[in-house]
Amino acid sequence: MRNILFIAFIFVSCANGSAKVVATNPVVEKKDTVFAFTTSADQNNLLTKSYLSLATSTITSGANNIALDPSIMYQTIDGFGYALTGGSAQLINQLSAAKKNELLQNLFNPQNADGIAVSYLRISIGASDLDSGVFSYNDLPVGQEDLSLSKFSLGHDTLNLIPVLKQIIAIHPAIKIMASPWSPPTWMKSNKNSMGGILLAQYYNVYAQYLAKYITLMKSYGITIDAITLQNEPENDKNNPSLLMNASEQANFIKNNVGPVFQQQNIKTKIVLFDHNCDHPEYPISILNDAQAASYVDGSAFHLYVGAVSALSTVKAAHPSKNLYFTEQWTGSQGSFSGDFIWHVKNVIIGTMNNWSKTAIEWNLANDPSYQPHTVGGCTQCKGALTINGDTYSKNVSYYIIAQASKFIPAGSIRINSSDIANVDNVAFVTPQGKKVLLVLNSSNTAQTFTVSCAGKTFSTTLAGQAATTYTW
């Protein structure tokens, strides 16, 4: 059994030594107030708010001092959020109008003081394994093909996914969306099956046109796809749907087909490669080593079911001009709140951010109490951030994992330098409004006392064991 972790967040604004934060509950704001939001692995605190005071001090270093340096900047953040699977959209769309609006306002409205301001979503191109059934946008009887894509249709997505996305965009117009295919239409594949197989070379160009058509038609519904990956988990053929695509195949697909097609059609959607585990950084590096393929690529995406999160920095060191995205990590039906919260905050939030990622995305947004919907052969134990049961919903561990970041670190925030101290993990940001945000995690069983310094201002605090806090000033 894993130890319980306590996490707290505080926002701090060090410009000219002043601080101003809008509190969840109205309070009289005072100069040099630090707001702290804490979640503990034992669930006794769930985004619990407290207050600290900044003091003028010359402290800049020390064994127990976390020193922030806003002059040293790293990556700009695109956002934090979830995979909005077809199954998630189906469940949300079945809520009553009032309950659906309540939920979407809580999740996505940046102005909702009681909400969590999710700023990034990942959706599937066609079905993922967390749809109620397998489908593509060009399904045909066995033996047929449609090289002109005349039978292409988003019809399945118009039932649930597109209506829910349109409501989300109305609430948060600036939200960014990444789309990923789990499989091409089966008639393009070597095994003519939704599971496994490879994309046949003779269909590379028509599949590039398929992806372009998807982006263009989604735009006609008012949905802008900011980025796509070329294949979810290209080294995993055990899911339904799935596809195998090795690095050389993906490089050829990008440089000879997807890149040129997007360029010809003036499609600005970013092309992101890999989208799989951290144990094979050589996969994206080999593609980025191909100058022609790399010219079309924005960056690489990762999951963390295998490997170490430091693989992101390995890819960054090899190709510093290319971006990094963390796009998936699940919580399962057999996991505990305490164990999952600790591990995910340490790795999926703090770890990915300290290794150059622009996003942190949990898998997935919602399931029912039986962990449905899913395809036959899809994930049977994936636990959503929400459990939706009829017209009610409850919040699970992934809700709080993402909330500890999304509520306080909006898109456009920049990671800044923060020093390490023993026994705690941390990552720091400056927001577009000039606030400073420091997320600190104490995964030990013992309370840790430390100071935080920034631009001649300091505060001291004690963070209980097995907890996390976000500080903002």
Protein backbone atom coordinates (compact mmCIF):
# COMPACT_ATOMS: atom_id res chain seq x y z
CA MET A 1 0.00 0.00 0.00
CA ARG A 2 1.43 3.35 -0.99
CA ASN A 3 1.91 6.11 1.52
CA ILE A 4 -0.60 8.95 1.50
CA LEU A 5 0.62 12.14 -0.13
CA PHE A 6 -0.35 15.71 0.63
CA ILE A 7 -0.08 18.40 -2.05
CA ALA A 8 -0.62 22.14 -1.85
CA PHE A 9 -0.57 24.94 -4.44
CA ILE A 10 0.07 28.66 -3.89
CA PHE A 11 -0.10 31.53 -6.36
CA VAL A 12 2.32 34.41 -5.87
CA SER A 13 2.94 37.55 -7.91
CA CYS A 14 6.42 38.98 -7.39
CA ALA A 15 6.25 41.90 -9.80
CA ASN A 16 7.14 44.97 -7.72
CA GLY A 17 6.63 42.85 -4.63
CA SER A 18 2.84 42.96 -4.94
CA ALA A 19 0.25 40.21 -4.91
CA LYS A 20 -3.32 39.94 -6.05
CA VAL A 21 -5.34 36.75 -6.43
CA VAL A 22 -9.08 36.29 -6.76
CA ALA A 23 -10.07 33.89 -4.01
CA THR A 24 -12.68 31.17 -4.36
CA ASN A 25 -14.59 32.67 -1.44
CA PRO A 26 -14.68 36.47 -1.23
CA VAL A 27 -12.04 37.78 1.15
CA VAL A 28 -10.46 41.15 1.69
CA GLU A 29 -7.32 40.95 -0.42
CA LYS A 30 -4.21 42.31 1.19
CA LYS A 31 -0.90 43.18 -0.31
CA ASP A 32 1.61 40.34 -0.07
CA THR A 33 -0.94 37.59 0.54
CA VAL A 34 -0.09 34.13 -0.67
CA PHE A 35 -2.96 31.78 -1.45
CA ALA A 36 -2.38 28.08 -0.94
CA PHE A 37 -4.57 25.23 -2.22
CA THR A 38 -3.89 21.79 -0.83
CA THR A 39 -4.93 18.25 -1.70
CA SER A 40 -3.90 15.38 0.54
CA ALA A 41 -3.71 11.78 -0.48
CA ASP A 42 -5.99 10.80 2.41
CA GLN A 43 -8.65 13.13 0.89
CA ASN A 44 -9.00 15.12 4.10
CA ASN A 45 -8.03 18.11 1.94
CA LEU A 46 -9.36 18.51 -1.60
CA LEU A 47 -8.20 21.85 -2.99
CA THR A 48 -8.48 23.26 0.52
CA LYS A 49 -7.57 26.95 0.63
CA SER A 50 -5.38 28.73 3.17
CA TYR A 51 -3.37 31.95 3.35
CA LEU A 52 0.22 32.95 4.03
CA SER A 53 2.01 36.28 4.10
CA LEU A 54 4.95 37.46 2.03
CA ALA A 55 7.76 39.24 3.82
CA THR A 56 10.60 41.37 2.50
CA SER A 57 13.83 39.41 2.69
CA THR A 58 17.20 39.05 0.99
CA ILE A 59 17.12 35.23 1.16
CA THR A 60 18.10 33.82 -2.23
CA SER A 61 19.49 30.40 -1.39
CA GLY A 62 19.73 27.79 1.31
CA ALA A 63 19.24 24.10 1.96
CA ASN A 64 15.54 24.60 2.73
CA ASN A 65 14.79 27.48 0.36
CA ILE A 66 13.01 27.15 -2.98
CA ALA A 67 14.27 30.13 -4.96
CA LEU A 68 12.24 31.21 -7.99
CA ASP A 69 14.00 33.08 -10.78
CA PRO A 70 11.52 34.54 -13.31
CA SER A 71 14.39 35.70 -15.53
CA ILE A 72 15.16 32.07 -16.44
CA MET A 73 12.27 30.87 -18.60
CA TYR A 74 11.58 27.53 -20.25
CA GLN A 75 8.56 26.30 -22.23
CA THR A 76 5.21 28.03 -22.69
CA ILE A 77 2.29 25.95 -21.47
CA ASP A 78 -0.56 24.99 -23.80
CA GLY A 79 -2.74 23.53 -21.07
CA PHE A 80 -3.85 20.78 -18.73
CA GLY A 81 -6.82 18.51 -19.24
CA TYR A 82 -8.30 15.19 -20.27
CA ALA A 83 -9.11 12.92 -23.15
CA LEU A 84 -12.70 13.66 -24.11
CA THR A 85 -13.44 10.19 -25.48
CA GLY A 86 -16.55 9.38 -27.45
CA GLY A 87 -17.80 7.46 -24.42
CA SER A 88 -17.19 10.48 -22.17
CA ALA A 89 -19.17 12.70 -24.55
CA GLN A 90 -21.98 10.14 -24.72
CA LEU A 91 -22.32 10.09 -20.92
CA ILE A 92 -22.12 13.89 -20.59
CA ASN A 93 -24.70 14.31 -23.34
CA GLN A 94 -27.11 12.07 -21.44
CA LEU A 95 -27.15 14.43 -18.45
CA SER A 96 -30.09 16.79 -18.07
CA ALA A 97 -29.50 20.24 -19.57
CA ALA A 98 -29.08 21.81 -16.13
CA LYS A 99 -26.71 19.14 -14.82
CA LYS A 100 -24.67 19.15 -18.04
CA ASN A 101 -24.25 22.93 -17.90
CA GLU A 102 -23.27 22.75 -14.22
CA LEU A 103 -20.59 20.16 -15.00
CA LEU A 104 -19.19 21.89 -18.08
CA GLN A 105 -19.06 25.24 -16.30
CA ASN A 106 -17.13 23.62 -13.45
CA LEU A 107 -14.69 21.93 -15.78
CA PHE A 108 -14.08 24.59 -18.41
CA ASN A 109 -15.12 28.11 -17.39
CA PRO A 110 -11.96 30.04 -16.41
CA GLN A 111 -14.14 32.60 -14.64
CA ASN A 112 -15.85 30.04 -12.41
CA ALA A 113 -14.18 30.49 -9.03
CA ASP A 114 -15.31 27.02 -7.92
CA GLY A 115 -14.18 25.35 -11.15
CA ILE A 116 -10.89 23.92 -12.40
CA ALA A 117 -10.40 25.80 -15.71
CA VAL A 118 -9.42 22.86 -17.95
CA SER A 119 -7.58 24.33 -20.95
CA TYR A 120 -6.67 21.34 -23.16
CA LEU A 121 -8.54 18.33 -24.56
CA ARG A 122 -7.48 15.29 -26.54
CA ILE A 123 -10.06 13.62 -28.78
CA SER A 124 -9.94 10.62 -31.10
CA ILE A 125 -10.09 10.69 -34.90
CA GLY A 126 -12.70 7.98 -35.36
CA ALA A 127 -13.19 5.62 -32.44
CA SER A 128 -10.85 5.12 -29.52
CA ASP A 129 -11.15 2.06 -27.32
CA LEU A 130 -13.37 4.11 -25.00
CA ASP A 131 -16.15 4.46 -27.53
CA SER A 132 -19.19 2.18 -27.41
CA GLY A 133 -18.09 0.57 -30.68
CA VAL A 134 -15.41 0.70 -33.37
CA PHE A 135 -15.92 3.06 -36.31
CA SER A 136 -14.02 5.24 -38.77
CA TYR A 137 -15.31 8.03 -40.98
CA ASN A 138 -15.12 5.82 -44.07
CA ASP A 139 -16.34 2.35 -43.22
CA LEU A 140 -17.04 0.15 -46.24
CA PRO A 141 -18.11 -3.42 -46.98
CA VAL A 142 -15.27 -5.92 -47.20
CA GLY A 143 -13.46 -5.69 -50.52
CA GLN A 144 -14.40 -2.09 -51.28
CA GLU A 145 -12.25 1.05 -51.20
CA ASP A 146 -13.01 4.77 -51.58
CA LEU A 147 -9.94 6.51 -52.91
CA SER A 148 -11.81 9.79 -53.45
CA LEU A 149 -13.24 9.68 -49.88
CA SER A 150 -16.67 10.41 -51.34
CA LYS A 151 -18.31 8.44 -48.51
CA PHE A 152 -16.38 10.20 -45.74
CA SER A 153 -18.73 11.26 -42.92
CA LEU A 154 -18.44 12.65 -39.39
CA GLY A 155 -21.95 11.35 -38.75
CA HIS A 156 -21.03 9.29 -35.69
CA ASP A 157 -19.35 12.26 -34.01
CA THR A 158 -22.36 14.51 -34.63
CA LEU A 159 -24.39 12.43 -32.17
CA ASN A 160 -22.40 13.24 -29.00
CA LEU A 161 -18.81 14.42 -29.40
CA ILE A 162 -19.39 17.44 -31.63
CA PRO A 163 -22.40 18.77 -29.63
CA VAL A 164 -20.45 18.50 -26.36
CA LEU A 165 -17.37 20.12 -27.91
CA LYS A 166 -19.47 23.02 -29.20
CA GLN A 167 -20.83 23.61 -25.70
CA ILE A 168 -17.31 23.50 -24.25
CA ILE A 169 -16.01 25.96 -26.84
CA ALA A 170 -18.90 28.33 -26.10
CA ILE A 171 -17.80 28.29 -22.45
CA HIS A 172 -14.04 28.44 -23.13
CA PRO A 173 -13.38 29.66 -26.71
CA ALA A 174 -9.60 29.54 -26.28
CA ILE A 175 -9.46 25.86 -25.30
CA LYS A 176 -6.98 23.85 -27.38
CA ILE A 177 -7.81 20.47 -28.88
CA MET A 178 -5.47 17.68 -29.99
CA ALA A 179 -6.85 14.83 -32.11
CA SER A 180 -5.35 11.33 -32.45
CA PRO A 181 -6.34 8.34 -34.61
CA TRP A 182 -6.47 4.86 -33.12
CA SER A 183 -6.79 3.26 -36.57
CA PRO A 184 -7.35 4.15 -40.21
CA PRO A 185 -10.40 2.67 -41.98
CA THR A 186 -9.88 -1.09 -42.12
CA TRP A 187 -9.79 -1.15 -45.94
CA MET A 188 -6.50 0.78 -45.79
CA LYS A 189 -4.85 -1.79 -43.51
CA SER A 190 -2.82 -4.91 -44.17
CA ASN A 191 -5.05 -7.16 -42.06
CA LYS A 192 -8.40 -5.49 -42.89
CA ASN A 193 -9.10 -5.48 -39.14
CA SER A 194 -9.62 -2.71 -36.58
CA MET A 195 -6.92 -4.26 -34.36
CA GLY A 196 -3.28 -4.18 -35.38
CA GLY A 197 -1.96 -4.43 -38.90
CA ILE A 198 -0.11 -1.70 -40.75
CA LEU A 199 -1.18 1.11 -43.05
CA LEU A 200 -0.52 -0.11 -46.58
CA ALA A 201 1.82 2.17 -48.53
CA GLN A 202 -0.64 2.40 -51.42
CA TYR A 203 -3.05 4.22 -49.09
CA TYR A 204 -0.60 6.68 -47.54
CA ASN A 205 -1.77 9.60 -49.63
CA VAL A 206 -5.49 8.89 -49.32
CA TYR A 207 -5.08 8.56 -45.54
CA ALA A 208 -3.28 11.93 -45.46
CA GLN A 209 -6.28 13.33 -47.36
CA TYR A 210 -8.55 11.62 -44.81
CA LEU A 211 -6.81 13.43 -41.94
CA ALA A 212 -6.96 16.75 -43.80
CA LYS A 213 -10.66 16.26 -44.53
CA TYR A 214 -11.32 15.55 -40.86
CA ILE A 215 -9.64 18.81 -39.79
CA THR A 216 -11.49 20.82 -42.45
CA LEU A 217 -14.92 19.37 -41.61
CA MET A 218 -14.40 19.83 -37.87
CA LYS A 219 -13.60 23.47 -38.62
CA SER A 220 -16.96 23.76 -40.40
CA TYR A 221 -18.58 22.88 -37.03
CA GLY A 222 -16.60 25.63 -35.32
CA ILE A 223 -14.05 23.20 -33.85
CA THR A 224 -10.41 24.04 -34.47
CA ILE A 225 -7.98 21.14 -34.17
CA ASP A 226 -4.78 22.72 -32.84
CA ALA A 227 -2.64 19.59 -33.26
CA ILE A 228 -2.84 15.99 -34.38
CA THR A 229 -0.70 12.99 -33.64
CA LEU A 230 -0.30 10.52 -36.49
CA GLN A 231 -1.13 7.40 -34.47
CA ASN A 232 -2.04 6.68 -30.87
CA GLU A 233 0.49 4.21 -29.43
CA PRO A 234 2.05 3.12 -32.75
CA GLU A 235 3.94 0.28 -31.04
CA ASN A 236 0.81 -1.27 -29.47
CA ASP A 237 -1.34 -3.58 -31.61
CA LYS A 238 -3.23 -5.17 -28.70
CA ASN A 239 -5.91 -2.49 -28.35
CA ASN A 240 -9.17 -2.20 -30.29
CA PRO A 241 -8.81 -0.16 -32.43
CA SER A 242 -5.04 0.02 -33.02
CA LEU A 243 -2.36 0.15 -35.71
CA LEU A 244 1.35 -0.61 -35.85
CA MET A 245 3.50 2.14 -37.39
CA ASN A 246 7.26 2.03 -36.96
CA ALA A 247 9.49 5.11 -37.02
CA SER A 248 10.59 4.79 -40.64
CA GLU A 249 6.98 4.34 -41.76
CA GLN A 250 5.91 7.40 -39.78
CA ALA A 251 8.78 9.46 -41.18
CA ASN A 252 7.83 8.54 -44.73
CA PHE A 253 4.14 9.21 -44.06
CA ILE A 254 4.97 12.66 -42.71
CA LYS A 255 7.45 13.84 -45.31
CA ASN A 256 5.82 12.36 -48.40
CA ASN A 257 2.13 12.62 -47.57
CA VAL A 258 0.76 14.37 -44.48
CA GLY A 259 3.19 17.29 -44.52
CA PRO A 260 2.78 18.09 -48.22
CA VAL A 261 -1.02 17.61 -48.11
CA PHE A 262 -1.37 19.97 -45.13
CA GLN A 263 0.91 22.47 -46.86
CA GLN A 264 -1.04 22.30 -50.13
CA GLN A 265 -4.34 22.81 -48.30
CA ASN A 266 -2.95 25.54 -46.04
CA ILE A 267 -3.83 23.53 -42.93
CA LYS A 268 -2.14 25.06 -39.89
CA THR A 269 -2.84 22.17 -37.51
CA LYS A 270 0.41 21.07 -35.86
CA ILE A 271 1.80 17.63 -36.72
CA VAL A 272 3.01 15.80 -33.60
CA LEU A 273 4.76 12.44 -33.87
CA PHE A 274 5.14 9.28 -31.78
CA ASP A 275 2.41 9.52 -29.04
CA HIS A 276 3.66 6.53 -27.07
CA ASN A 277 5.79 5.46 -24.10
CA CYS A 278 8.94 7.01 -22.67
CA ASP A 279 11.00 3.84 -23.11
CA HIS A 280 11.74 4.57 -26.78
CA PRO A 281 12.93 8.17 -27.22
CA GLU A 282 14.91 6.93 -30.22
CA TYR A 283 11.63 6.65 -32.16
CA PRO A 284 10.91 10.41 -32.28
CA ILE A 285 14.62 11.29 -32.45
CA SER A 286 15.11 9.17 -35.56
CA ILE A 287 12.24 10.95 -37.33
CA LEU A 288 13.45 14.38 -36.25
CA ASN A 289 16.90 13.46 -37.56
CA ASP A 290 15.29 13.35 -41.01
CA ALA A 291 15.41 17.02 -41.99
CA GLN A 292 12.64 16.68 -44.57
CA ALA A 293 10.23 15.01 -42.15
CA ALA A 294 11.23 17.34 -39.31
CA SER A 295 10.38 20.40 -41.40
CA TYR A 296 6.70 19.49 -41.09
CA VAL A 297 6.77 18.45 -37.42
CA ASP A 298 5.96 20.62 -34.41
CA GLY A 299 7.08 18.10 -31.82
CA SER A 300 6.68 14.72 -30.10
CA ALA A 301 4.08 13.27 -27.73
CA PHE A 302 4.55 10.78 -24.88
CA HIS A 303 2.77 8.43 -22.50
CA LEU A 304 4.37 6.98 -19.36
CA TYR A 305 3.20 3.39 -18.98
CA VAL A 306 6.82 2.31 -19.54
CA GLY A 307 10.08 4.22 -19.23
CA ALA A 308 11.14 7.36 -17.38
CA VAL A 309 9.72 10.85 -17.84
CA SER A 310 13.27 12.15 -18.37
CA ALA A 311 12.99 10.72 -21.91
CA LEU A 312 11.26 13.98 -22.84
CA SER A 313 14.42 15.90 -21.98
CA THR A 314 16.45 13.39 -24.00
CA VAL A 315 14.40 14.26 -27.07
CA LYS A 316 14.57 17.98 -26.25
CA ALA A 317 18.36 17.84 -26.00
CA ALA A 318 18.57 16.14 -29.40
CA HIS A 319 16.20 18.62 -31.08
CA PRO A 320 15.85 21.77 -28.95
CA SER A 321 13.62 23.61 -31.44
CA LYS A 322 10.86 20.97 -31.31
CA ASN A 323 8.07 20.94 -28.75
CA LEU A 324 7.04 18.17 -26.36
CA TYR A 325 3.58 17.06 -25.26
CA PHE A 326 2.43 14.63 -22.60
CA THR A 327 -0.82 13.17 -23.93
CA GLU A 328 -1.96 10.20 -21.85
CA GLN A 329 -1.83 8.45 -18.50
CA TRP A 330 -4.64 6.40 -17.03
CA THR A 331 -5.94 5.76 -13.55
CA GLY A 332 -7.48 2.32 -13.14
CA SER A 333 -10.37 0.74 -11.29
CA GLN A 334 -7.97 -1.15 -9.03
CA GLY A 335 -5.90 1.89 -8.06
CA SER A 336 -6.18 3.89 -4.84
CA PHE A 337 -6.74 7.64 -4.58
CA SER A 338 -3.61 7.99 -2.47
CA GLY A 339 -1.29 5.97 -4.68
CA ASP A 340 -2.55 7.43 -7.96
CA PHE A 341 -2.59 11.00 -6.70
CA ILE A 342 0.99 10.85 -5.45
CA TRP A 343 2.41 9.14 -8.53
CA HIS A 344 0.55 11.26 -11.07
CA VAL A 345 1.30 14.62 -9.48
CA LYS A 346 4.97 13.66 -9.20
CA ASN A 347 5.29 12.32 -12.75
CA VAL A 348 2.41 13.49 -14.96
CA ILE A 349 2.30 17.06 -13.62
CA ILE A 350 5.62 18.05 -12.02
CA GLY A 351 7.73 15.53 -13.92
CA THR A 352 6.46 16.33 -17.41
CA MET A 353 6.60 20.08 -16.82
CA ASN A 354 10.20 19.91 -15.56
CA ASN A 355 11.02 17.91 -18.69
CA TRP A 356 9.74 20.49 -21.17
CA SER A 357 6.18 19.32 -21.85
CA LYS A 358 3.64 21.90 -22.94
CA THR A 359 0.68 19.77 -21.82
CA ALA A 360 -0.36 17.20 -19.24
CA ILE A 361 -3.40 15.13 -20.19
CA GLU A 362 -5.11 12.41 -18.17
CA TRP A 363 -6.95 9.45 -19.66
CA ASN A 364 -9.93 9.90 -19.57
CA LEU A 365 -12.72 12.34 -18.65
CA ALA A 366 -15.69 10.10 -17.78
CA ASN A 367 -16.98 6.54 -17.43
CA ASP A 368 -20.11 5.02 -15.92
CA PRO A 369 -19.96 2.94 -12.70
CA SER A 370 -19.15 -0.18 -14.76
CA TYR A 371 -16.23 1.55 -16.56
CA GLN A 372 -18.25 1.72 -19.76
CA PRO A 373 -18.46 2.62 -22.59
CA HIS A 374 -15.59 0.76 -24.23
CA THR A 375 -15.11 -1.32 -27.34
CA VAL A 376 -14.86 -5.10 -27.37
CA GLY A 377 -11.15 -5.52 -26.70
CA GLY A 378 -10.81 -2.00 -25.30
CA CYS A 379 -9.90 -0.90 -21.78
CA THR A 380 -12.21 -2.44 -19.19
CA GLN A 381 -10.66 -0.81 -16.10
CA CYS A 382 -10.01 2.79 -17.18
CA LYS A 383 -11.35 5.13 -14.50
CA GLY A 384 -12.47 8.55 -15.67
CA ALA A 385 -11.94 11.78 -13.80
CA LEU A 386 -15.71 11.58 -13.38
CA THR A 387 -18.13 8.75 -12.79
CA ILE A 388 -21.44 9.60 -14.45
CA ASN A 389 -24.43 7.61 -13.26
CA GLY A 390 -27.71 8.67 -14.81
CA ASP A 391 -28.12 12.35 -14.02
CA THR A 392 -25.46 12.46 -11.30
CA TYR A 393 -21.70 12.63 -11.37
CA SER A 394 -18.90 12.17 -8.85
CA LYS A 395 -15.27 13.28 -8.95
CA ASN A 396 -12.42 10.77 -8.97
CA VAL A 397 -8.69 11.11 -8.45
CA SER A 398 -7.88 12.36 -11.97
CA TYR A 399 -10.16 15.33 -11.40
CA TYR A 400 -7.90 16.49 -8.56
CA ILE A 401 -4.64 15.55 -10.29
CA ILE A 402 -5.40 17.90 -13.17
CA ALA A 403 -7.15 20.50 -11.00
CA GLN A 404 -3.99 21.04 -8.96
CA ALA A 405 -2.46 22.51 -12.12
CA SER A 406 -5.27 23.60 -14.46
CA LYS A 407 -7.02 25.78 -11.87
CA PHE A 408 -3.91 27.89 -11.36
CA ILE A 409 -1.74 27.63 -14.48
CA PRO A 410 -3.60 28.94 -17.54
CA ALA A 411 -2.49 28.48 -21.13
CA GLY A 412 0.27 30.94 -21.97
CA SER A 413 1.97 30.52 -18.59
CA ILE A 414 5.74 30.02 -18.74
CA ARG A 415 7.73 27.61 -16.62
CA ILE A 416 10.44 29.45 -14.72
CA ASN A 417 13.49 28.29 -12.82
CA SER A 418 13.01 27.03 -9.28
CA SER A 419 15.69 25.48 -7.10
CA ASP A 420 15.48 21.96 -5.71
CA ILE A 421 15.49 21.09 -2.04
CA ALA A 422 15.58 17.72 -0.36
CA ASN A 423 12.45 15.63 0.21
CA VAL A 424 10.01 17.61 -1.96
CA ASP A 425 9.34 18.05 -5.69
CA ASN A 426 8.40 21.38 -7.21
CA VAL A 427 7.74 23.27 -10.43
CA ALA A 428 7.11 27.00 -10.90
CA PHE A 429 5.42 29.24 -13.46
CA VAL A 430 4.62 32.84 -14.23
CA THR A 431 1.11 33.33 -15.62
CA PRO A 432 0.10 35.74 -18.40
CA GLN A 433 -1.27 38.00 -15.64
CA GLY A 434 2.14 38.10 -13.94
CA LYS A 435 1.28 35.85 -11.01
CA LYS A 436 3.76 33.30 -9.77
CA VAL A 437 2.57 29.74 -9.21
CA LEU A 438 4.56 27.15 -7.30
CA LEU A 439 3.40 23.54 -7.03
CA VAL A 440 5.12 21.57 -4.26
CA LEU A 441 4.68 17.87 -3.53
CA ASN A 442 5.77 16.15 -0.34
CA SER A 443 5.67 12.43 -1.04
CA SER A 444 7.41 11.50 2.21
CA ASN A 445 5.61 10.59 5.42
CA THR A 446 7.20 13.48 7.31
CA ALA A 447 6.18 17.13 7.25
CA GLN A 448 8.69 19.38 5.49
CA THR A 449 9.36 23.01 6.46
CA PHE A 450 10.87 25.34 3.87
CA THR A 451 10.97 28.92 2.64
CA VAL A 452 10.13 30.24 -0.81
CA SER A 453 11.87 33.31 -2.19
CA CYS A 454 11.26 35.45 -5.26
CA ALA A 455 12.31 39.00 -6.13
CA GLY A 456 13.12 40.04 -2.58
CA LYS A 457 10.00 38.50 -1.07
CA THR A 458 9.78 35.29 0.96
CA PHE A 459 7.34 33.15 2.85
CA SER A 460 7.80 30.15 5.10
CA THR A 461 5.53 27.14 5.26
CA THR A 462 5.28 23.57 6.43
CA LEU A 463 3.88 20.97 4.05
CA ALA A 464 2.50 17.83 5.65
CA GLY A 465 3.67 14.45 4.48
CA GLN A 466 1.79 12.83 1.63
CA ALA A 467 0.35 16.08 0.31
CA ALA A 468 0.64 18.73 -2.37
CA THR A 469 0.05 22.48 -2.29
CA THR A 470 -0.17 25.11 -5.01
CA TYR A 471 1.01 28.53 -3.85
CA THR A 472 0.14 31.66 -5.81
CA TRP A 473 1.26 35.24 -5.18
